[in-house]
Amino acid sequence: MRYKVVEVSSLRELEDQVNALIAAGWDLAGGVSVVYSPSTSRWWYYQAMALRPLPAERDEPPGRPRRRGPDVTDNPY
């Protein structure tokens, strides 16, 4: 599993980045956090994201080729 936190200073940018990651296969991991920073006088938005490997990738030992599933053209009947 891979984990990342999106950190941006505008709600629109958070929406854009999170939507792009969701389209790329990432999942939300918890809720949005919003923090006001007095030193920068800005709001900061955070969203944790997780990318889980496909089941076939989880089952394969590292460094071994991926098993090939049955091919319909091998035996159509």
PDB file of N, CA and C in Angstrom:
ATOM      1  N   MET A   1       0.844  -1.164   0.000  1.00  0.00           N
ATOM      2  CA  MET A   1       0.000   0.000   0.000  1.00  0.00           C
ATOM      3  C   MET A   1       0.895   1.234   0.000  1.00  0.00           C
ATOM      4  N   ARG A   2       0.469   2.212  -0.753  1.00  0.00           N
ATOM      5  CA  ARG A   2       1.168   3.503  -0.734  1.00  0.00           C
ATOM      6  C   ARG A   2       0.252   4.530  -0.091  1.00  0.00           C
ATOM      7  N   TYR A   3       0.842   5.508   0.555  1.00  0.00           N
ATOM      8  CA  TYR A   3       0.101   6.513   1.316  1.00  0.00           C
ATOM      9  C   TYR A   3       0.690   7.869   0.992  1.00  0.00           C
ATOM     10  N   LYS A   4      -0.170   8.844   0.810  1.00  0.00           N
ATOM     11  CA  LYS A   4       0.304  10.215   0.613  1.00  0.00           C
ATOM     12  C   LYS A   4      -0.698  11.174   1.204  1.00  0.00           C
ATOM     13  N   VAL A   5      -0.225  12.384   1.503  1.00  0.00           N
ATOM     14  CA  VAL A   5      -1.085  13.434   2.007  1.00  0.00           C
ATOM     15  C   VAL A   5      -1.015  14.595   1.023  1.00  0.00           C
ATOM     16  N   VAL A   6      -2.179  14.991   0.527  1.00  0.00           N
ATOM     17  CA  VAL A   6      -2.277  16.157  -0.337  1.00  0.00           C
ATOM     18  C   VAL A   6      -2.339  17.377   0.570  1.00  0.00           C
ATOM     19  N   GLU A   7      -1.485  18.354   0.313  1.00  0.00           N
ATOM     20  CA  GLU A   7      -1.443  19.588   1.106  1.00  0.00           C
ATOM     21  C   GLU A   7      -1.502  20.762   0.142  1.00  0.00           C
ATOM     22  N   VAL A   8      -2.549  21.587   0.270  1.00  0.00           N
ATOM     23  CA  VAL A   8      -2.722  22.733  -0.625  1.00  0.00           C
ATOM     24  C   VAL A   8      -3.280  23.910   0.164  1.00  0.00           C
ATOM     25  N   SER A   9      -3.254  25.085  -0.447  1.00  0.00           N
ATOM     26  CA  SER A   9      -3.732  26.276   0.250  1.00  0.00           C
ATOM     27  C   SER A   9      -5.028  26.836  -0.336  1.00  0.00           C
ATOM     28  N   SER A  10      -5.717  26.061  -1.184  1.00  0.00           N
ATOM     29  CA  SER A  10      -7.028  26.501  -1.655  1.00  0.00           C
ATOM     30  C   SER A  10      -7.930  25.288  -1.818  1.00  0.00           C
ATOM     31  N   LEU A  11      -9.201  25.505  -1.543  1.00  0.00           N
ATOM     32  CA  LEU A  11     -10.165  24.425  -1.642  1.00  0.00           C
ATOM     33  C   LEU A  11     -10.271  23.919  -3.075  1.00  0.00           C
ATOM     34  N   ARG A  12     -10.229  24.805  -4.043  1.00  0.00           N
ATOM     35  CA  ARG A  12     -10.305  24.414  -5.458  1.00  0.00           C
ATOM     36  C   ARG A  12      -9.131  23.502  -5.841  1.00  0.00           C
ATOM     37  N   GLU A  13      -7.935  23.855  -5.384  1.00  0.00           N
ATOM     38  CA  GLU A  13      -6.747  23.039  -5.667  1.00  0.00           C
ATOM     39  C   GLU A  13      -6.859  21.661  -5.000  1.00  0.00           C
ATOM     40  N   LEU A  14      -7.428  21.619  -3.788  1.00  0.00           N
ATOM     41  CA  LEU A  14      -7.638  20.335  -3.116  1.00  0.00           C
ATOM     42  C   LEU A  14      -8.586  19.470  -3.942  1.00  0.00           C
ATOM     43  N   GLU A  15      -9.688  20.044  -4.390  1.00  0.00           N
ATOM     44  CA  GLU A  15     -10.642  19.298  -5.210  1.00  0.00           C
ATOM     45  C   GLU A  15      -9.975  18.754  -6.470  1.00  0.00           C
ATOM     46  N   ASP A  16      -9.215  19.599  -7.145  1.00  0.00           N
ATOM     47  CA  ASP A  16      -8.559  19.181  -8.388  1.00  0.00           C
ATOM     48  C   ASP A  16      -7.569  18.038  -8.151  1.00  0.00           C
ATOM     49  N   GLN A  17      -6.724  18.176  -7.134  1.00  0.00           N
ATOM     50  CA  GLN A  17      -5.708  17.154  -6.882  1.00  0.00           C
ATOM     51  C   GLN A  17      -6.320  15.843  -6.387  1.00  0.00           C
ATOM     52  N   VAL A  18      -7.299  15.929  -5.500  1.00  0.00           N
ATOM     53  CA  VAL A  18      -7.938  14.713  -4.978  1.00  0.00           C
ATOM     54  C   VAL A  18      -8.705  14.005  -6.093  1.00  0.00           C
ATOM     55  N   ASN A  19      -9.436  14.754  -6.912  1.00  0.00           N
ATOM     56  CA  ASN A  19     -10.157  14.139  -8.033  1.00  0.00           C
ATOM     57  C   ASN A  19      -9.199  13.469  -9.015  1.00  0.00           C
ATOM     58  N   ALA A  20      -8.062  14.077  -9.279  1.00  0.00           N
ATOM     59  CA  ALA A  20      -7.067  13.474 -10.180  1.00  0.00           C
ATOM     60  C   ALA A  20      -6.518  12.178  -9.587  1.00  0.00           C
ATOM     61  N   LEU A  21      -6.257  12.153  -8.298  1.00  0.00           N
ATOM     62  CA  LEU A  21      -5.751  10.946  -7.652  1.00  0.00           C
ATOM     63  C   LEU A  21      -6.811   9.841  -7.624  1.00  0.00           C
ATOM     64  N   ILE A  22      -8.061  10.205  -7.373  1.00  0.00           N
ATOM     65  CA  ILE A  22      -9.136   9.208  -7.397  1.00  0.00           C
ATOM     66  C   ILE A  22      -9.245   8.600  -8.790  1.00  0.00           C
ATOM     67  N   ALA A  23      -9.150   9.430  -9.821  1.00  0.00           N
ATOM     68  CA  ALA A  23      -9.202   8.932 -11.199  1.00  0.00           C
ATOM     69  C   ALA A  23      -8.029   8.006 -11.499  1.00  0.00           C
ATOM     70  N   ALA A  24      -6.910   8.184 -10.795  1.00  0.00           N
ATOM     71  CA  ALA A  24      -5.726   7.348 -10.997  1.00  0.00           C
ATOM     72  C   ALA A  24      -5.736   6.091 -10.117  1.00  0.00           C
ATOM     73  N   GLY A  25      -6.832   5.871  -9.372  1.00  0.00           N
ATOM     74  CA  GLY A  25      -6.930   4.651  -8.588  1.00  0.00           C
ATOM     75  C   GLY A  25      -6.708   4.805  -7.087  1.00  0.00           C
ATOM     76  N   TRP A  26      -6.446   6.006  -6.615  1.00  0.00           N
ATOM     77  CA  TRP A  26      -6.234   6.229  -5.182  1.00  0.00           C
ATOM     78  C   TRP A  26      -7.581   6.297  -4.472  1.00  0.00           C
ATOM     79  N   ASP A  27      -7.590   5.979  -3.175  1.00  0.00           N
ATOM     80  CA  ASP A  27      -8.785   6.056  -2.336  1.00  0.00           C
ATOM     81  C   ASP A  27      -8.571   7.100  -1.249  1.00  0.00           C
ATOM     82  N   LEU A  28      -9.687   7.681  -0.791  1.00  0.00           N
ATOM     83  CA  LEU A  28      -9.621   8.580   0.354  1.00  0.00           C
ATOM     84  C   LEU A  28      -9.268   7.764   1.595  1.00  0.00           C
ATOM     85  N   ALA A  29      -8.459   8.333   2.466  1.00  0.00           N
ATOM     86  CA  ALA A  29      -8.085   7.666   3.718  1.00  0.00           C
ATOM     87  C   ALA A  29      -8.373   8.643   4.855  1.00  0.00           C
ATOM     88  N   GLY A  30      -9.639   8.720   5.235  1.00  0.00           N
ATOM     89  CA  GLY A  30     -10.025   9.651   6.282  1.00  0.00           C
ATOM     90  C   GLY A  30     -10.634  10.911   5.695  1.00  0.00           C
ATOM     91  N   GLY A  31     -10.899  11.853   6.569  1.00  0.00           N
ATOM     92  CA  GLY A  31     -11.547  13.089   6.161  1.00  0.00           C
ATOM     93  C   GLY A  31     -10.564  14.204   5.871  1.00  0.00           C
ATOM     94  N   VAL A  32     -11.104  15.312   5.421  1.00  0.00           N
ATOM     95  CA  VAL A  32     -10.305  16.501   5.120  1.00  0.00           C
ATOM     96  C   VAL A  32      -9.957  17.211   6.430  1.00  0.00           C
ATOM     97  N   SER A  33      -8.737  17.707   6.508  1.00  0.00           N
ATOM     98  CA  SER A  33      -8.326  18.549   7.633  1.00  0.00           C
ATOM     99  C   SER A  33      -8.098  19.956   7.113  1.00  0.00           C
ATOM    100  N   VAL A  34      -8.563  20.937   7.878  1.00  0.00           N
ATOM    101  CA  VAL A  34      -8.400  22.345   7.502  1.00  0.00           C
ATOM    102  C   VAL A  34      -7.747  23.052   8.685  1.00  0.00           C
ATOM    103  N   VAL A  35      -6.647  23.756   8.388  1.00  0.00           N
ATOM    104  CA  VAL A  35      -5.871  24.416   9.439  1.00  0.00           C
ATOM    105  C   VAL A  35      -5.602  25.855   9.021  1.00  0.00           C
ATOM    106  N   TYR A  36      -5.811  26.772   9.938  1.00  0.00           N
ATOM    107  CA  TYR A  36      -5.453  28.166   9.680  1.00  0.00           C
ATOM    108  C   TYR A  36      -4.068  28.438  10.246  1.00  0.00           C
ATOM    109  N   SER A  37      -3.205  29.033   9.439  1.00  0.00           N
ATOM    110  CA  SER A  37      -1.847  29.349   9.867  1.00  0.00           C
ATOM    111  C   SER A  37      -1.717  30.850  10.091  1.00  0.00           C
ATOM    112  N   PRO A  38      -1.614  31.292  11.345  1.00  0.00           N
ATOM    113  CA  PRO A  38      -1.467  32.726  11.605  1.00  0.00           C
ATOM    114  C   PRO A  38      -0.193  33.318  11.010  1.00  0.00           C
ATOM    115  N   SER A  39       0.857  32.501  10.908  1.00  0.00           N
ATOM    116  CA  SER A  39       2.124  33.026  10.386  1.00  0.00           C
ATOM    117  C   SER A  39       2.043  33.345   8.892  1.00  0.00           C
ATOM    118  N   THR A  40       1.178  32.631   8.160  1.00  0.00           N
ATOM    119  CA  THR A  40       1.036  32.906   6.718  1.00  0.00           C
ATOM    120  C   THR A  40      -0.308  33.552   6.398  1.00  0.00           C
ATOM    121  N   SER A  41      -1.187  33.662   7.401  1.00  0.00           N
ATOM    122  CA  SER A  41      -2.543  34.189   7.216  1.00  0.00           C
ATOM    123  C   SER A  41      -3.288  33.437   6.116  1.00  0.00           C
ATOM    124  N   ARG A  42      -3.075  32.117   6.065  1.00  0.00           N
ATOM    125  CA  ARG A  42      -3.729  31.291   5.048  1.00  0.00           C
ATOM    126  C   ARG A  42      -4.349  30.069   5.681  1.00  0.00           C
ATOM    127  N   TRP A  43      -5.342  29.542   4.983  1.00  0.00           N
ATOM    128  CA  TRP A  43      -5.927  28.252   5.325  1.00  0.00           C
ATOM    129  C   TRP A  43      -5.198  27.177   4.548  1.00  0.00           C
ATOM    130  N   TRP A  44      -4.966  26.028   5.183  1.00  0.00           N
ATOM    131  CA  TRP A  44      -4.318  24.889   4.533  1.00  0.00           C
ATOM    132  C   TRP A  44      -5.266  23.696   4.595  1.00  0.00           C
ATOM    133  N   TYR A  45      -5.334  22.980   3.499  1.00  0.00           N
ATOM    134  CA  TYR A  45      -6.237  21.841   3.357  1.00  0.00           C
ATOM    135  C   TYR A  45      -5.414  20.574   3.170  1.00  0.00           C
ATOM    136  N   TYR A  46      -5.786  19.516   3.881  1.00  0.00           N
ATOM    137  CA  TYR A  46      -5.058  18.244   3.833  1.00  0.00           C
ATOM    138  C   TYR A  46      -6.038  17.099   3.588  1.00  0.00           C
ATOM    139  N   GLN A  47      -5.640  16.168   2.735  1.00  0.00           N
ATOM    140  CA  GLN A  47      -6.417  14.957   2.511  1.00  0.00           C
ATOM    141  C   GLN A  47      -5.458  13.790   2.381  1.00  0.00           C
ATOM    142  N   ALA A  48      -5.631  12.779   3.235  1.00  0.00           N
ATOM    143  CA  ALA A  48      -4.818  11.566   3.143  1.00  0.00           C
ATOM    144  C   ALA A  48      -5.407  10.674   2.050  1.00  0.00           C
ATOM    145  N   MET A  49      -4.508  10.022   1.288  1.00  0.00           N
ATOM    146  CA  MET A  49      -4.902   9.148   0.184  1.00  0.00           C
ATOM    147  C   MET A  49      -4.124   7.849   0.302  1.00  0.00           C
ATOM    148  N   ALA A  50      -4.740   6.740  -0.136  1.00  0.00           N
ATOM    149  CA  ALA A  50      -4.081   5.428  -0.100  1.00  0.00           C
ATOM    150  C   ALA A  50      -4.249   4.752  -1.454  1.00  0.00           C
ATOM    151  N   LEU A  51      -3.187   4.107  -1.895  1.00  0.00           N
ATOM    152  CA  LEU A  51      -3.217   3.335  -3.138  1.00  0.00           C
ATOM    153  C   LEU A  51      -2.936   1.891  -2.759  1.00  0.00           C
ATOM    154  N   ARG A  52      -3.930   1.057  -2.906  1.00  0.00           N
ATOM    155  CA  ARG A  52      -3.786  -0.359  -2.563  1.00  0.00           C
ATOM    156  C   ARG A  52      -3.402  -1.138  -3.809  1.00  0.00           C
ATOM    157  N   PRO A  53      -2.485  -2.083  -3.693  1.00  0.00           N
ATOM    158  CA  PRO A  53      -2.114  -2.889  -4.863  1.00  0.00           C
ATOM    159  C   PRO A  53      -3.262  -3.784  -5.280  1.00  0.00           C
ATOM    160  N   LEU A  54      -3.290  -4.149  -6.550  1.00  0.00           N
ATOM    161  CA  LEU A  54      -4.281  -5.095  -7.040  1.00  0.00           C
ATOM    162  C   LEU A  54      -4.064  -6.440  -6.365  1.00  0.00           C
ATOM    163  N   PRO A  55      -5.101  -7.261  -6.215  1.00  0.00           N
ATOM    164  CA  PRO A  55      -4.929  -8.556  -5.546  1.00  0.00           C
ATOM    165  C   PRO A  55      -3.827  -9.402  -6.174  1.00  0.00           C
ATOM    166  N   ALA A  56      -3.708  -9.414  -7.482  1.00  0.00           N
ATOM    167  CA  ALA A  56      -2.657 -10.204  -8.137  1.00  0.00           C
ATOM    168  C   ALA A  56      -1.273  -9.699  -7.748  1.00  0.00           C
ATOM    169  N   GLU A  57      -1.129  -8.387  -7.598  1.00  0.00           N
ATOM    170  CA  GLU A  57       0.167  -7.825  -7.208  1.00  0.00           C
ATOM    171  C   GLU A  57       0.496  -8.150  -5.761  1.00  0.00           C
ATOM    172  N   ARG A  58      -0.517  -8.241  -4.901  1.00  0.00           N
ATOM    173  CA  ARG A  58      -0.288  -8.569  -3.484  1.00  0.00           C
ATOM    174  C   ARG A  58       0.191  -9.995  -3.325  1.00  0.00           C
ATOM    175  N   ASP A  59      -0.346 -10.906  -4.138  1.00  0.00           N
ATOM    176  CA  ASP A  59      -0.043 -12.322  -3.991  1.00  0.00           C
ATOM    177  C   ASP A  59       1.299 -12.726  -4.582  1.00  0.00           C
ATOM    178  N   GLU A  60       1.838 -11.938  -5.469  1.00  0.00           N
ATOM    179  CA  GLU A  60       3.083 -12.304  -6.135  1.00  0.00           C
ATOM    180  C   GLU A  60       4.283 -12.022  -5.241  1.00  0.00           C
ATOM    181  N   PRO A  61       5.194 -12.977  -5.098  1.00  0.00           N
ATOM    182  CA  PRO A  61       6.426 -12.692  -4.369  1.00  0.00           C
ATOM    183  C   PRO A  61       7.264 -11.687  -5.149  1.00  0.00           C
ATOM    184  N   PRO A  62       8.029 -10.845  -4.470  1.00  0.00           N
ATOM    185  CA  PRO A  62       8.846  -9.870  -5.181  1.00  0.00           C
ATOM    186  C   PRO A  62       9.855 -10.551  -6.093  1.00  0.00           C
ATOM    187  N   GLY A  63      10.059  -9.966  -7.261  1.00  0.00           N
ATOM    188  CA  GLY A  63      11.070 -10.461  -8.179  1.00  0.00           C
ATOM    189  C   GLY A  63      10.642 -11.637  -9.036  1.00  0.00           C
ATOM    190  N   ARG A  64       9.426 -12.126  -8.870  1.00  0.00           N
ATOM    191  CA  ARG A  64       8.942 -13.247  -9.669  1.00  0.00           C
ATOM    192  C   ARG A  64       7.995 -12.722 -10.731  1.00  0.00           C
ATOM    193  N   PRO A  65       7.997 -13.334 -11.898  1.00  0.00           N
ATOM    194  CA  PRO A  65       7.072 -12.871 -12.930  1.00  0.00           C
ATOM    195  C   PRO A  65       5.624 -13.142 -12.539  1.00  0.00           C
ATOM    196  N   ARG A  66       4.759 -12.312 -13.036  1.00  0.00           N
ATOM    197  CA  ARG A  66       3.349 -12.445 -12.753  1.00  0.00           C
ATOM    198  C   ARG A  66       2.776 -13.681 -13.449  1.00  0.00           C
ATOM    199  N   ARG A  67       1.948 -14.431 -12.732  1.00  0.00           N
ATOM    200  CA  ARG A  67       1.309 -15.603 -13.332  1.00  0.00           C
ATOM    201  C   ARG A  67       0.353 -15.181 -14.423  1.00  0.00           C
ATOM    202  N   ARG A  68       0.323 -15.952 -15.463  1.00  0.00           N
ATOM    203  CA  ARG A  68      -0.562 -15.637 -16.568  1.00  0.00           C
ATOM    204  C   ARG A  68      -1.843 -16.425 -16.395  1.00  0.00           C
ATOM    205  N   GLY A  69      -2.962 -15.743 -16.491  1.00  0.00           N
ATOM    206  CA  GLY A  69      -4.260 -16.395 -16.359  1.00  0.00           C
ATOM    207  C   GLY A  69      -4.628 -17.140 -17.623  1.00  0.00           C
ATOM    208  N   PRO A  70      -5.715 -17.871 -17.579  1.00  0.00           N
ATOM    209  CA  PRO A  70      -6.133 -18.607 -18.764  1.00  0.00           C
ATOM    210  C   PRO A  70      -6.480 -17.656 -19.902  1.00  0.00           C
ATOM    211  N   ASP A  71      -6.128 -18.077 -21.084  1.00  0.00           N
ATOM    212  CA  ASP A  71      -6.390 -17.270 -22.265  1.00  0.00           C
ATOM    213  C   ASP A  71      -7.484 -17.953 -23.071  1.00  0.00           C
ATOM    214  N   VAL A  72      -8.490 -17.223 -23.432  1.00  0.00           N
ATOM    215  CA  VAL A  72      -9.626 -17.786 -24.156  1.00  0.00           C
ATOM    216  C   VAL A  72      -9.163 -18.395 -25.482  1.00  0.00           C
ATOM    217  N   THR A  73      -8.141 -17.819 -26.093  1.00  0.00           N
ATOM    218  CA  THR A  73      -7.683 -18.334 -27.384  1.00  0.00           C
ATOM    219  C   THR A  73      -6.930 -19.656 -27.251  1.00  0.00           C
ATOM    220  N   ASP A  74      -6.470 -20.018 -26.033  1.00  0.00           N
ATOM    221  CA  ASP A  74      -5.767 -21.281 -25.841  1.00  0.00           C
ATOM    222  C   ASP A  74      -6.695 -22.471 -26.094  1.00  0.00           C
ATOM    223  N   ASN A  75      -7.926 -22.374 -25.608  1.00  0.00           N
ATOM    224  CA  ASN A  75      -8.872 -23.470 -25.780  1.00  0.00           C
ATOM    225  C   ASN A  75     -10.283 -22.865 -25.770  1.00  0.00           C
ATOM    226  N   PRO A  76     -10.790 -22.472 -26.939  1.00  0.00           N
ATOM    227  CA  PRO A  76     -12.077 -21.778 -26.933  1.00  0.00           C
ATOM    228  C   PRO A  76     -13.260 -22.670 -26.600  1.00  0.00           C
ATOM    229  N   TYR A  77     -13.121 -24.046 -26.631  1.00  0.00           N
ATOM    230  CA  TYR A  77     -14.256 -24.941 -26.362  1.00  0.00           C
ATOM    231  C   TYR A  77     -13.964 -25.912 -25.262  1.00  0.00           C
TER     232      TYR A  77
END
